[in-house]
Amino acid sequence: MWEDSSEHKRCKGVKKNAVENRITHAHFKNCLLDDEEEMRTMNVIRSHLHDVYTGEVNKVALSAKDDKRVIMEDRIYTLAYGHYSLKTEAGRVAHARGGI
């Protein structure tokens, strides 16, 4: 939350309307701390071979899995794969969730 009490929510690949109206700060918190995925349904306009049609898409809006970073034991802080401290503390790599 910011000083003006507005939320700045970002979900890559999810329609703006779905993020603004159906995802709250509590959803982000549950995703991070409880390892729950949030799915959202969106209506989209697409074309295939010059035929335009509408469709409904169900996407993962929020997920705690990260394929480019190691999530530390506290489940908040992360380090990039190959980070020098991971090489010295090999036990921390075992705590990675959703890794490569």
N, C-alpha and C. Protein backbone atom coordinates (compact mmCIF):
# COMPACT_ATOMS: atom_id res chain seq x y z
N MET A 1 0.83 -1.17 0.00
CA MET A 1 0.00 0.00 0.00
C MET A 1 0.88 1.24 0.00
N TRP A 2 0.38 2.26 -0.60
CA TRP A 2 1.12 3.51 -0.71
C TRP A 2 0.49 4.55 0.19
N GLU A 3 1.13 5.70 0.30
CA GLU A 3 0.65 6.77 1.18
C GLU A 3 -0.75 7.25 0.81
N ASP A 4 -1.07 7.28 -0.48
CA ASP A 4 -2.39 7.73 -0.90
C ASP A 4 -3.43 6.61 -0.86
N SER A 5 -3.12 5.51 -0.20
CA SER A 5 -3.98 4.34 0.02
C SER A 5 -4.47 3.70 -1.29
N SER A 6 -3.74 3.85 -2.36
CA SER A 6 -4.10 3.16 -3.61
C SER A 6 -3.21 1.93 -3.78
N GLU A 7 -3.74 0.93 -4.40
CA GLU A 7 -2.99 -0.30 -4.64
C GLU A 7 -2.43 -0.28 -6.05
N HIS A 8 -1.20 -0.71 -6.20
CA HIS A 8 -0.57 -0.84 -7.51
C HIS A 8 -0.40 -2.32 -7.79
N LYS A 9 -1.34 -2.91 -8.50
CA LYS A 9 -1.35 -4.34 -8.76
C LYS A 9 -0.86 -4.61 -10.17
N ARG A 10 -0.02 -5.63 -10.33
CA ARG A 10 0.49 -6.02 -11.64
C ARG A 10 0.40 -7.54 -11.79
N CYS A 11 -0.16 -7.96 -12.90
CA CYS A 11 -0.22 -9.37 -13.25
C CYS A 11 0.09 -9.48 -14.74
N LYS A 12 1.22 -10.03 -15.06
CA LYS A 12 1.64 -10.11 -16.46
C LYS A 12 0.76 -11.09 -17.23
N GLY A 13 0.24 -10.65 -18.37
CA GLY A 13 -0.56 -11.50 -19.22
C GLY A 13 -2.02 -11.60 -18.85
N VAL A 14 -2.45 -10.83 -17.86
CA VAL A 14 -3.84 -10.85 -17.41
C VAL A 14 -4.46 -9.50 -17.77
N LYS A 15 -5.69 -9.54 -18.27
CA LYS A 15 -6.36 -8.32 -18.68
C LYS A 15 -6.50 -7.34 -17.52
N LYS A 16 -6.38 -6.07 -17.85
CA LYS A 16 -6.40 -5.00 -16.86
C LYS A 16 -7.70 -5.02 -16.04
N ASN A 17 -8.81 -5.27 -16.69
CA ASN A 17 -10.09 -5.32 -16.02
C ASN A 17 -10.12 -6.41 -14.95
N ALA A 18 -9.57 -7.57 -15.26
CA ALA A 18 -9.56 -8.68 -14.30
C ALA A 18 -8.70 -8.34 -13.09
N VAL A 19 -7.59 -7.66 -13.31
CA VAL A 19 -6.71 -7.29 -12.21
C VAL A 19 -7.35 -6.24 -11.33
N GLU A 20 -7.90 -5.20 -11.92
CA GLU A 20 -8.48 -4.10 -11.15
C GLU A 20 -9.71 -4.50 -10.36
N ASN A 21 -10.57 -5.33 -10.94
CA ASN A 21 -11.86 -5.62 -10.31
C ASN A 21 -11.90 -6.91 -9.50
N ARG A 22 -11.02 -7.86 -9.79
CA ARG A 22 -11.18 -9.17 -9.15
C ARG A 22 -9.97 -9.68 -8.40
N ILE A 23 -8.90 -8.90 -8.31
CA ILE A 23 -7.72 -9.32 -7.56
C ILE A 23 -7.42 -8.27 -6.50
N THR A 24 -7.26 -8.71 -5.26
CA THR A 24 -6.99 -7.80 -4.16
C THR A 24 -5.61 -8.08 -3.56
N HIS A 25 -5.23 -7.24 -2.62
CA HIS A 25 -3.96 -7.43 -1.92
C HIS A 25 -3.95 -8.77 -1.18
N ALA A 26 -5.10 -9.17 -0.67
CA ALA A 26 -5.20 -10.45 0.04
C ALA A 26 -4.88 -11.63 -0.88
N HIS A 27 -5.25 -11.53 -2.16
CA HIS A 27 -4.92 -12.60 -3.11
C HIS A 27 -3.40 -12.71 -3.29
N PHE A 28 -2.71 -11.56 -3.39
CA PHE A 28 -1.25 -11.57 -3.49
C PHE A 28 -0.63 -12.20 -2.26
N LYS A 29 -1.15 -11.84 -1.09
CA LYS A 29 -0.62 -12.35 0.18
C LYS A 29 -0.83 -13.86 0.30
N ASN A 30 -2.04 -14.34 -0.05
CA ASN A 30 -2.31 -15.78 0.00
C ASN A 30 -1.42 -16.55 -0.96
N CYS A 31 -1.19 -15.98 -2.13
CA CYS A 31 -0.35 -16.63 -3.12
C CYS A 31 1.07 -16.79 -2.60
N LEU A 32 1.60 -15.75 -1.99
CA LEU A 32 2.98 -15.77 -1.51
C LEU A 32 3.15 -16.65 -0.29
N LEU A 33 2.29 -16.49 0.69
CA LEU A 33 2.48 -17.18 1.98
C LEU A 33 1.88 -18.58 2.03
N ASP A 34 0.77 -18.81 1.33
CA ASP A 34 0.10 -20.11 1.38
C ASP A 34 0.35 -20.96 0.15
N ASP A 35 1.12 -20.43 -0.81
CA ASP A 35 1.48 -21.14 -2.04
C ASP A 35 0.24 -21.55 -2.84
N GLU A 36 -0.75 -20.64 -2.92
CA GLU A 36 -1.97 -20.90 -3.68
C GLU A 36 -1.92 -20.17 -5.02
N GLU A 37 -2.34 -20.85 -6.08
CA GLU A 37 -2.43 -20.22 -7.39
C GLU A 37 -3.81 -19.59 -7.55
N GLU A 38 -3.86 -18.44 -8.19
CA GLU A 38 -5.11 -17.76 -8.48
C GLU A 38 -5.37 -17.84 -9.98
N MET A 39 -6.51 -18.40 -10.36
CA MET A 39 -6.91 -18.49 -11.75
C MET A 39 -7.97 -17.43 -12.02
N ARG A 40 -7.92 -16.83 -13.22
CA ARG A 40 -8.92 -15.84 -13.61
C ARG A 40 -9.41 -16.13 -15.02
N THR A 41 -10.70 -15.94 -15.25
CA THR A 41 -11.30 -16.12 -16.56
C THR A 41 -11.45 -14.75 -17.22
N MET A 42 -11.05 -14.67 -18.51
CA MET A 42 -11.11 -13.41 -19.23
C MET A 42 -11.74 -13.63 -20.60
N ASN A 43 -12.48 -12.65 -21.06
CA ASN A 43 -13.03 -12.67 -22.40
C ASN A 43 -12.05 -11.96 -23.33
N VAL A 44 -11.73 -12.58 -24.46
CA VAL A 44 -10.74 -12.02 -25.38
C VAL A 44 -11.29 -12.01 -26.80
N ILE A 45 -10.74 -11.12 -27.61
CA ILE A 45 -11.04 -11.06 -29.04
C ILE A 45 -9.80 -11.52 -29.77
N ARG A 46 -9.93 -12.53 -30.61
CA ARG A 46 -8.79 -13.10 -31.32
C ARG A 46 -9.11 -13.26 -32.79
N SER A 47 -8.07 -13.48 -33.57
CA SER A 47 -8.28 -13.77 -34.99
C SER A 47 -7.38 -14.93 -35.38
N HIS A 48 -7.89 -15.74 -36.30
CA HIS A 48 -7.14 -16.86 -36.83
C HIS A 48 -7.50 -16.98 -38.31
N LEU A 49 -6.51 -16.86 -39.17
CA LEU A 49 -6.71 -16.89 -40.62
C LEU A 49 -7.76 -15.87 -41.06
N HIS A 50 -7.65 -14.68 -40.53
CA HIS A 50 -8.51 -13.55 -40.86
C HIS A 50 -9.96 -13.71 -40.40
N ASP A 51 -10.23 -14.67 -39.55
CA ASP A 51 -11.55 -14.82 -38.94
C ASP A 51 -11.46 -14.29 -37.51
N VAL A 52 -12.27 -13.29 -37.20
CA VAL A 52 -12.28 -12.70 -35.87
C VAL A 52 -13.36 -13.38 -35.04
N TYR A 53 -12.99 -13.72 -33.82
CA TYR A 53 -13.95 -14.37 -32.92
C TYR A 53 -13.65 -13.98 -31.49
N THR A 54 -14.61 -14.20 -30.60
CA THR A 54 -14.40 -13.96 -29.17
C THR A 54 -14.28 -15.31 -28.48
N GLY A 55 -13.59 -15.29 -27.38
CA GLY A 55 -13.41 -16.53 -26.63
C GLY A 55 -13.21 -16.23 -25.16
N GLU A 56 -13.26 -17.27 -24.38
CA GLU A 56 -13.06 -17.16 -22.94
C GLU A 56 -11.78 -17.93 -22.61
N VAL A 57 -10.88 -17.28 -21.89
CA VAL A 57 -9.59 -17.86 -21.55
C VAL A 57 -9.47 -17.93 -20.04
N ASN A 58 -9.02 -19.06 -19.53
CA ASN A 58 -8.76 -19.24 -18.11
C ASN A 58 -7.25 -19.28 -17.91
N LYS A 59 -6.72 -18.30 -17.17
CA LYS A 59 -5.27 -18.18 -17.00
C LYS A 59 -4.89 -18.18 -15.53
N VAL A 60 -3.63 -18.53 -15.28
CA VAL A 60 -3.06 -18.39 -13.94
C VAL A 60 -2.71 -16.92 -13.77
N ALA A 61 -3.40 -16.23 -12.87
CA ALA A 61 -3.15 -14.81 -12.66
C ALA A 61 -2.02 -14.59 -11.66
N LEU A 62 -2.00 -15.39 -10.60
CA LEU A 62 -0.97 -15.27 -9.57
C LEU A 62 -0.41 -16.64 -9.26
N SER A 63 0.91 -16.72 -9.16
CA SER A 63 1.56 -17.97 -8.81
C SER A 63 2.83 -17.66 -8.03
N ALA A 64 3.13 -18.47 -7.03
CA ALA A 64 4.33 -18.27 -6.22
C ALA A 64 5.55 -18.95 -6.82
N LYS A 65 5.37 -19.69 -7.87
CA LYS A 65 6.50 -20.40 -8.48
C LYS A 65 7.31 -19.43 -9.34
N ASP A 66 8.63 -19.55 -9.26
CA ASP A 66 9.52 -18.68 -10.01
C ASP A 66 10.61 -19.56 -10.62
N ASP A 67 10.77 -19.49 -11.95
CA ASP A 67 11.74 -20.34 -12.61
C ASP A 67 13.10 -19.67 -12.78
N LYS A 68 13.26 -18.43 -12.34
CA LYS A 68 14.53 -17.74 -12.52
C LYS A 68 15.20 -17.36 -11.21
N ARG A 69 14.53 -17.60 -10.10
CA ARG A 69 15.08 -17.21 -8.81
C ARG A 69 14.86 -18.31 -7.78
N VAL A 70 15.74 -18.35 -6.78
CA VAL A 70 15.62 -19.28 -5.66
C VAL A 70 14.90 -18.55 -4.55
N ILE A 71 13.82 -19.12 -4.04
CA ILE A 71 13.07 -18.51 -2.96
C ILE A 71 13.67 -18.98 -1.65
N MET A 72 14.03 -18.04 -0.80
CA MET A 72 14.73 -18.37 0.44
C MET A 72 13.77 -18.98 1.47
N GLU A 73 14.31 -19.41 2.61
CA GLU A 73 13.53 -20.10 3.62
C GLU A 73 12.38 -19.27 4.18
N ASP A 74 12.53 -17.94 4.24
CA ASP A 74 11.48 -17.09 4.78
C ASP A 74 10.33 -16.89 3.81
N ARG A 75 10.46 -17.40 2.57
CA ARG A 75 9.46 -17.37 1.50
C ARG A 75 9.14 -15.97 1.01
N ILE A 76 10.01 -14.99 1.32
CA ILE A 76 9.81 -13.63 0.85
C ILE A 76 10.99 -13.20 -0.01
N TYR A 77 12.20 -13.38 0.48
CA TYR A 77 13.39 -12.95 -0.24
C TYR A 77 13.82 -13.99 -1.26
N THR A 78 14.42 -13.51 -2.35
CA THR A 78 14.88 -14.40 -3.41
C THR A 78 16.29 -14.04 -3.82
N LEU A 79 16.96 -15.00 -4.45
CA LEU A 79 18.28 -14.80 -5.05
C LEU A 79 18.27 -15.42 -6.43
N ALA A 80 18.99 -14.83 -7.34
CA ALA A 80 19.08 -15.36 -8.70
C ALA A 80 19.86 -16.67 -8.70
N TYR A 81 19.50 -17.59 -9.60
CA TYR A 81 20.27 -18.81 -9.75
C TYR A 81 21.69 -18.43 -10.13
N GLY A 82 22.67 -19.09 -9.50
CA GLY A 82 24.07 -18.78 -9.76
C GLY A 82 24.63 -17.70 -8.86
N HIS A 83 23.84 -17.18 -7.94
CA HIS A 83 24.31 -16.15 -7.01
C HIS A 83 25.45 -16.72 -6.18
N TYR A 84 26.45 -15.88 -5.86
CA TYR A 84 27.64 -16.38 -5.18
C TYR A 84 27.34 -16.96 -3.81
N SER A 85 26.36 -16.44 -3.08
CA SER A 85 26.07 -16.96 -1.75
C SER A 85 25.38 -18.33 -1.82
N LEU A 86 24.74 -18.66 -2.93
CA LEU A 86 24.15 -19.98 -3.08
C LEU A 86 25.22 -21.03 -3.30
N LYS A 87 26.31 -20.64 -3.91
CA LYS A 87 27.40 -21.59 -4.13
C LYS A 87 28.09 -21.93 -2.82
N THR A 88 28.17 -20.97 -1.89
CA THR A 88 28.83 -21.23 -0.62
C THR A 88 27.91 -21.92 0.37
N GLU A 89 26.60 -21.71 0.23
CA GLU A 89 25.63 -22.33 1.12
C GLU A 89 24.74 -23.25 0.28
N ALA A 90 25.24 -24.39 -0.08
CA ALA A 90 24.54 -25.29 -1.00
C ALA A 90 23.22 -25.79 -0.42
N GLY A 91 23.04 -25.75 0.88
CA GLY A 91 21.81 -26.22 1.49
C GLY A 91 20.61 -25.37 1.14
N ARG A 92 20.82 -24.11 0.85
CA ARG A 92 19.71 -23.21 0.53
C ARG A 92 19.09 -23.54 -0.81
N VAL A 93 19.85 -24.08 -1.74
CA VAL A 93 19.31 -24.41 -3.06
C VAL A 93 18.23 -25.47 -2.94
N ALA A 94 18.33 -26.34 -1.95
CA ALA A 94 17.33 -27.39 -1.75
C ALA A 94 15.97 -26.82 -1.37
N HIS A 95 15.94 -25.58 -0.89
CA HIS A 95 14.68 -24.97 -0.48
C HIS A 95 14.00 -24.24 -1.62
N ALA A 96 14.53 -24.36 -2.82
CA ALA A 96 13.91 -23.68 -3.98
C ALA A 96 12.57 -24.32 -4.30
N ARG A 97 11.57 -23.48 -4.59
CA ARG A 97 10.26 -23.97 -4.96
C ARG A 97 10.02 -23.61 -6.42
N GLY A 98 9.54 -24.53 -7.20
CA GLY A 98 9.17 -24.25 -8.58
C GLY A 98 10.36 -23.93 -9.46
N GLY A 99 11.51 -24.44 -9.12
CA GLY A 99 12.71 -24.13 -9.88
C GLY A 99 12.78 -24.89 -11.20
N ILE A 100 13.90 -24.71 -11.87
CA ILE A 100 14.11 -25.34 -13.18
C ILE A 100 14.26 -26.84 -13.04
